[in-house]
Amino acid sequence: METSALIAILLTSIGGMATAVVMYLLAQKDARQAEQIKDLYDKHSEDSERLQKLELTVASNNYTKDEVNAMMVDLKSYIAGLFDNFKALIDERTKNL
């Protein structure tokens, strides 16, 4: 064989080996990234479930609008009663002067 034919065969086999090495390394990188994506997806699922539970807990610990409105009406009545008592007390005291 000629030297140029041997060099061509050698370069072709070196190029094939280099391509095989690069392909192997890329496959390894893809496998690592796939595992990272899976881990992130699992963490997202866990966080989503925890958030839903937290939303339910917050909702169960808070008053509804109707309950808040009823409490405000009661508070308004209580304060109005205090002012009425205070007014009556002032009227009584001013009569004695």
Protein backbone atom coordinates (compact mmCIF):
# COMPACT_ATOMS: atom_id res chain seq x y z
CA MET A 1 0.00 0.00 0.00
CA GLU A 2 0.97 3.52 -0.58
CA THR A 3 1.74 5.89 2.20
CA SER A 4 -1.10 8.21 1.22
CA ALA A 5 -3.58 5.31 1.36
CA LEU A 6 -2.31 4.34 4.81
CA ILE A 7 -2.57 7.94 6.00
CA ALA A 8 -6.13 8.18 4.62
CA ILE A 9 -7.13 4.94 6.37
CA LEU A 10 -5.46 6.07 9.60
CA LEU A 11 -7.15 9.49 9.50
CA THR A 12 -10.51 7.90 8.75
CA SER A 13 -10.20 5.50 11.67
CA ILE A 14 -8.98 8.29 14.00
CA GLY A 15 -11.89 10.45 12.86
CA GLY A 16 -14.30 7.57 13.45
CA MET A 17 -12.88 6.97 16.91
CA ALA A 18 -13.06 10.68 17.75
CA THR A 19 -16.66 10.76 16.54
CA ALA A 20 -17.47 7.72 18.65
CA VAL A 21 -15.89 9.33 21.74
CA VAL A 22 -17.78 12.58 21.16
CA MET A 23 -21.05 10.67 20.67
CA TYR A 24 -20.43 8.71 23.88
CA LEU A 25 -19.71 11.89 25.86
CA LEU A 26 -22.82 13.58 24.46
CA ALA A 27 -24.92 10.53 25.38
CA GLN A 28 -23.55 10.68 28.93
CA LYS A 29 -24.35 14.39 29.15
CA ASP A 30 -27.89 13.74 27.85
CA ALA A 31 -28.38 11.02 30.46
CA ARG A 32 -27.28 13.38 33.27
CA GLN A 33 -29.57 16.14 32.00
CA ALA A 34 -32.49 13.70 31.75
CA GLU A 35 -31.92 12.70 35.38
CA GLN A 36 -31.75 16.36 36.44
CA ILE A 37 -34.98 17.10 34.59
CA LYS A 38 -36.65 14.12 36.27
CA ASP A 39 -35.46 15.32 39.69
CA LEU A 40 -36.76 18.83 39.00
CA TYR A 41 -40.11 17.47 37.85
CA ASP A 42 -40.39 15.33 41.00
CA LYS A 43 -39.54 18.35 43.18
CA HIS A 44 -42.11 20.43 41.31
CA SER A 45 -44.75 17.76 41.95
CA GLU A 46 -43.91 17.69 45.66
CA ASP A 47 -43.97 21.48 45.90
CA SER A 48 -47.28 21.60 44.05
CA GLU A 49 -48.86 19.12 46.47
CA ARG A 50 -47.50 21.03 49.49
CA LEU A 51 -48.84 24.30 48.08
CA GLN A 52 -52.30 22.80 47.60
CA LYS A 53 -52.29 21.55 51.20
CA LEU A 54 -51.14 24.96 52.41
CA GLU A 55 -53.91 26.70 50.44
CA LEU A 56 -56.48 24.41 52.07
CA THR A 57 -55.02 25.09 55.51
CA VAL A 58 -55.05 28.85 54.98
CA ALA A 59 -58.60 28.73 53.63
CA SER A 60 -59.79 26.66 56.58
CA ASN A 61 -58.16 29.05 59.09
CA ASN A 62 -59.74 32.18 57.62
CA TYR A 63 -63.23 33.54 57.95
CA THR A 64 -65.62 33.76 55.02
CA LYS A 65 -66.90 37.12 53.85
CA ASP A 66 -70.30 36.51 55.46
CA GLU A 67 -68.67 35.71 58.80
CA VAL A 68 -66.55 38.86 58.65
CA ASN A 69 -69.61 40.96 57.74
CA ALA A 70 -71.55 39.50 60.69
CA MET A 71 -68.66 40.27 63.06
CA MET A 72 -68.47 43.84 61.75
CA VAL A 73 -72.22 44.33 62.30
CA ASP A 74 -71.84 43.01 65.86
CA LEU A 75 -68.86 45.31 66.45
CA LYS A 76 -70.76 48.29 65.06
CA SER A 77 -73.72 47.54 67.35
CA TYR A 78 -71.41 47.15 70.35
CA ILE A 79 -69.64 50.46 69.66
CA ALA A 80 -72.96 52.23 69.04
CA GLY A 81 -74.20 50.88 72.41
CA LEU A 82 -71.06 52.19 74.14
CA PHE A 83 -71.56 55.65 72.65
CA ASP A 84 -75.23 55.60 73.65
CA ASN A 85 -74.26 54.70 77.23
CA PHE A 86 -71.57 57.38 77.20
CA LYS A 87 -74.07 59.97 75.89
CA ALA A 88 -76.58 58.99 78.59
CA LEU A 89 -73.88 59.30 81.25
CA ILE A 90 -72.88 62.75 79.99
CA ASP A 91 -76.53 63.85 79.87
CA GLU A 92 -77.04 62.65 83.43
CA ARG A 93 -73.92 64.41 84.70
CA THR A 94 -74.79 67.67 82.94
CA LYS A 95 -78.28 67.66 84.49
CA ASN A 96 -76.73 67.57 87.96
CA LEU A 97 -74.62 70.63 87.26
